[in-house]
Amino acid sequence: MKKTLIYGLLLMLVVSCSNYTPKPYGYFRIELPKPEYVKFDSTYPPVNMEISEFSKVVPQKAKNNIEEYIDIVYPSLNGRIYCSYVEIKGNFHQLSEDSRTLVYKHTVRADAIVERPFENPEAKVYGILYEITGNAASPVQFVITDSVNHFMRGALYFNNIPNADSIAPVSAYIQNDLKHLVETIRWK
């Protein structure tokens, strides 16, 4: 009986001392609400558009206290879309190139930058949605214009260290909201 007990304990010791396998990192499950949109009517920037019901618009002033901006904030998702508006005064090409330069500064950390053009000739709305993959600081940016009077750009940033794996569901959710915003924008 003692021999069987000793052999049993030795067998359990050998079996229990198997190689350790580390567990992969896990991320919290994020419950995203069903997308719903509300109309946003603004005098500055002079637009009508639909934004997510789960976001809020926060007006901002530039350091020179002349230029105004808006931020579309997602408090529950820890994200913010920084939107700037400029009236075109013969400087359309310069504004376009400045925006493109700001987007492509992310190539240092980005795996790829995909340009998705958008146009709605009836509403005179033309733009590009930039999808930035990888661990870049901004996963999506956009430019919207009528090429004559109005120029608006926006960039999504999160209030955490960029990690494409952990923010992927939230980034995709807000990116769909941005697509909806671009499709519904109308100039005043």
Protein backbone atom coordinates (compact mmCIF):
# COMPACT_ATOMS: atom_id res chain seq x y z
CA MET A 1 0.00 0.00 0.00
CA LYS A 2 2.83 2.41 0.88
CA LYS A 3 4.61 1.52 -2.36
CA THR A 4 1.51 2.30 -4.41
CA LEU A 5 1.06 5.62 -2.61
CA ILE A 6 4.71 6.60 -3.20
CA TYR A 7 4.54 5.61 -6.89
CA GLY A 8 1.25 7.51 -7.24
CA LEU A 9 2.77 10.67 -5.69
CA LEU A 10 5.85 10.37 -7.94
CA LEU A 11 3.61 9.94 -10.99
CA MET A 12 1.56 13.00 -10.02
CA LEU A 13 4.77 14.99 -9.49
CA VAL A 14 6.14 14.03 -12.92
CA VAL A 15 2.83 14.73 -14.69
CA SER A 16 2.26 18.05 -12.91
CA CYS A 17 5.74 19.34 -13.76
CA SER A 18 5.06 19.65 -17.48
CA ASN A 19 6.32 22.56 -19.55
CA TYR A 20 4.80 25.93 -18.72
CA THR A 21 2.83 27.51 -21.56
CA PRO A 22 2.30 31.25 -21.19
CA LYS A 23 -1.15 32.62 -21.89
CA PRO A 24 -1.48 35.21 -24.65
CA TYR A 25 -2.41 38.77 -23.76
CA GLY A 26 -6.12 39.38 -23.70
CA TYR A 27 -8.11 42.55 -24.08
CA PHE A 28 -11.31 43.63 -22.43
CA ARG A 29 -14.46 42.89 -24.36
CA ILE A 30 -16.00 46.12 -25.56
CA GLU A 31 -19.76 46.34 -25.95
CA LEU A 32 -20.40 48.80 -28.76
CA PRO A 33 -23.87 50.32 -29.08
CA LYS A 34 -25.92 50.04 -32.24
CA PRO A 35 -25.05 53.07 -34.43
CA GLU A 36 -27.65 55.82 -34.27
CA TYR A 37 -27.25 59.31 -35.65
CA VAL A 38 -28.55 62.80 -34.90
CA LYS A 39 -28.45 65.92 -37.02
CA PHE A 40 -25.79 68.47 -36.20
CA ASP A 41 -26.39 71.97 -37.52
CA SER A 42 -23.48 74.35 -37.16
CA THR A 43 -22.71 77.94 -38.07
CA TYR A 44 -18.98 77.32 -37.74
CA PRO A 45 -18.04 75.23 -39.56
CA PRO A 46 -20.97 76.10 -41.86
CA VAL A 47 -22.26 72.54 -42.26
CA ASN A 48 -25.17 70.25 -41.61
CA MET A 49 -24.25 66.64 -40.95
CA GLU A 50 -25.25 63.61 -38.95
CA ILE A 51 -23.05 62.53 -36.06
CA SER A 52 -23.24 59.59 -33.70
CA GLU A 53 -25.78 59.86 -30.92
CA PHE A 54 -23.05 58.62 -28.56
CA SER A 55 -20.71 61.49 -29.34
CA LYS A 56 -20.77 65.13 -28.38
CA VAL A 57 -19.46 68.19 -30.15
CA VAL A 58 -17.02 70.41 -28.24
CA PRO A 59 -16.14 73.79 -29.79
CA GLN A 60 -12.46 74.76 -29.62
CA LYS A 61 -10.52 77.97 -30.25
CA ALA A 62 -7.05 78.07 -31.72
CA LYS A 63 -4.19 79.66 -29.82
CA ASN A 64 -4.63 82.85 -31.84
CA ASN A 65 -8.31 83.05 -30.65
CA ILE A 66 -9.38 83.70 -34.24
CA GLU A 67 -9.75 80.27 -35.79
CA GLU A 68 -12.39 77.95 -34.42
CA TYR A 69 -12.52 74.19 -34.49
CA ILE A 70 -14.82 71.47 -33.30
CA ASP A 71 -14.00 68.18 -31.67
CA ILE A 72 -16.37 65.25 -31.92
CA VAL A 73 -15.76 63.43 -28.65
CA TYR A 74 -16.65 59.83 -27.80
CA PRO A 75 -16.42 59.89 -23.98
CA SER A 76 -17.29 56.23 -23.47
CA LEU A 77 -14.81 55.09 -26.15
CA ASN A 78 -11.96 57.41 -25.11
CA GLY A 79 -11.65 58.87 -28.61
CA ARG A 80 -11.78 62.29 -30.21
CA ILE A 81 -12.11 63.47 -33.80
CA TYR A 82 -10.30 66.77 -34.21
CA CYS A 83 -12.06 68.72 -36.98
CA SER A 84 -10.79 71.92 -38.52
CA TYR A 85 -12.46 74.13 -41.10
CA VAL A 86 -10.88 76.66 -43.40
CA GLU A 87 -12.53 78.89 -45.94
CA ILE A 88 -10.79 78.50 -49.30
CA LYS A 89 -9.33 81.77 -50.56
CA GLY A 90 -7.44 80.69 -53.66
CA ASN A 91 -5.30 78.32 -51.59
CA PHE A 92 -7.03 75.00 -52.30
CA HIS A 93 -3.87 73.31 -53.57
CA GLN A 94 -1.87 74.38 -50.49
CA LEU A 95 -4.61 73.18 -48.11
CA SER A 96 -4.79 69.83 -49.90
CA GLU A 97 -1.04 69.32 -49.76
CA ASP A 98 -0.86 70.33 -46.09
CA SER A 99 -3.56 67.78 -45.24
CA ARG A 100 -1.85 65.06 -47.23
CA THR A 101 1.44 65.84 -45.47
CA LEU A 102 -0.24 65.53 -42.05
CA VAL A 103 -1.69 62.15 -43.00
CA TYR A 104 1.55 60.77 -44.38
CA LYS A 105 3.52 61.76 -41.28
CA HIS A 106 2.03 58.55 -39.85
CA THR A 107 4.00 56.36 -42.27
CA VAL A 108 6.71 55.94 -39.65
CA ARG A 109 4.41 53.72 -37.57
CA ALA A 110 1.73 52.76 -40.13
CA ASP A 111 1.67 49.47 -41.99
CA ALA A 112 -0.38 51.00 -44.83
CA ILE A 113 -2.42 54.08 -45.71
CA VAL A 114 -5.46 53.46 -47.89
CA GLU A 115 -7.13 56.41 -49.59
CA ARG A 116 -10.89 56.04 -50.12
CA PRO A 117 -12.25 58.82 -52.35
CA PHE A 118 -15.79 60.11 -51.90
CA GLU A 119 -17.90 62.37 -54.07
CA ASN A 120 -21.45 63.62 -54.05
CA PRO A 121 -21.76 66.05 -56.99
CA GLU A 122 -25.37 66.99 -56.15
CA ALA A 123 -24.31 68.30 -52.72
CA LYS A 124 -20.91 69.52 -53.99
CA VAL A 125 -19.11 67.37 -51.44
CA TYR A 126 -15.83 65.70 -52.37
CA GLY A 127 -13.34 64.08 -50.09
CA ILE A 128 -10.89 61.40 -49.15
CA LEU A 129 -11.07 59.07 -46.16
CA TYR A 130 -7.61 57.85 -45.11
CA GLU A 131 -7.54 54.47 -43.37
CA ILE A 132 -4.23 54.12 -41.53
CA THR A 133 -3.43 50.56 -40.45
CA GLY A 134 -0.85 49.53 -37.86
CA ASN A 135 0.17 51.22 -34.63
CA ALA A 136 -0.12 54.77 -35.93
CA ALA A 137 -1.38 57.47 -33.60
CA SER A 138 -4.43 58.19 -35.79
CA PRO A 139 -6.23 55.22 -37.39
CA VAL A 140 -8.43 57.33 -39.67
CA GLN A 141 -8.45 60.84 -41.11
CA PHE A 142 -10.57 62.62 -43.68
CA VAL A 143 -10.70 65.68 -45.92
CA ILE A 144 -13.98 67.11 -47.23
CA THR A 145 -14.31 70.04 -49.60
CA ASP A 146 -16.37 71.63 -52.35
CA SER A 147 -13.09 72.74 -54.01
CA VAL A 148 -14.26 76.38 -54.11
CA ASN A 149 -15.28 77.73 -50.68
CA HIS A 150 -15.13 75.06 -47.98
CA PHE A 151 -12.32 72.83 -46.70
CA MET A 152 -12.71 70.60 -43.64
CA ARG A 153 -10.35 67.97 -42.29
CA GLY A 154 -10.56 65.63 -39.36
CA ALA A 155 -8.38 63.12 -37.54
CA LEU A 156 -9.34 60.47 -35.00
CA TYR A 157 -7.11 60.02 -31.96
CA PHE A 158 -7.51 57.89 -28.86
CA ASN A 159 -6.38 58.87 -25.37
CA ASN A 160 -4.08 55.87 -24.99
CA ILE A 161 -0.93 54.36 -26.45
CA PRO A 162 -1.56 53.22 -30.04
CA ASN A 163 -2.06 49.46 -30.19
CA ALA A 164 -3.92 48.43 -33.33
CA ASP A 165 -5.05 45.12 -31.81
CA SER A 166 -6.66 46.55 -28.70
CA ILE A 167 -8.44 49.50 -30.35
CA ALA A 168 -9.46 47.71 -33.58
CA PRO A 169 -13.17 47.24 -32.72
CA VAL A 170 -13.56 50.82 -31.46
CA SER A 171 -11.63 52.22 -34.40
CA ALA A 172 -13.82 50.32 -36.89
CA TYR A 173 -16.95 51.54 -35.10
CA ILE A 174 -15.90 55.20 -35.23
CA GLN A 175 -14.67 54.79 -38.80
CA ASN A 176 -18.21 53.75 -39.80
CA ASP A 177 -19.50 56.86 -38.03
CA LEU A 178 -17.04 58.97 -40.03
CA LYS A 179 -18.21 57.40 -43.29
CA HIS A 180 -21.78 58.30 -42.33
CA LEU A 181 -20.70 61.85 -41.44
CA VAL A 182 -19.00 62.29 -44.82
CA GLU A 183 -22.02 60.91 -46.68
CA THR A 184 -24.46 63.24 -44.89
CA ILE A 185 -22.49 66.49 -44.84
CA ARG A 186 -24.04 69.50 -46.57
CA TRP A 187 -22.46 72.94 -46.89
CA LYS A 188 -24.34 76.06 -45.89
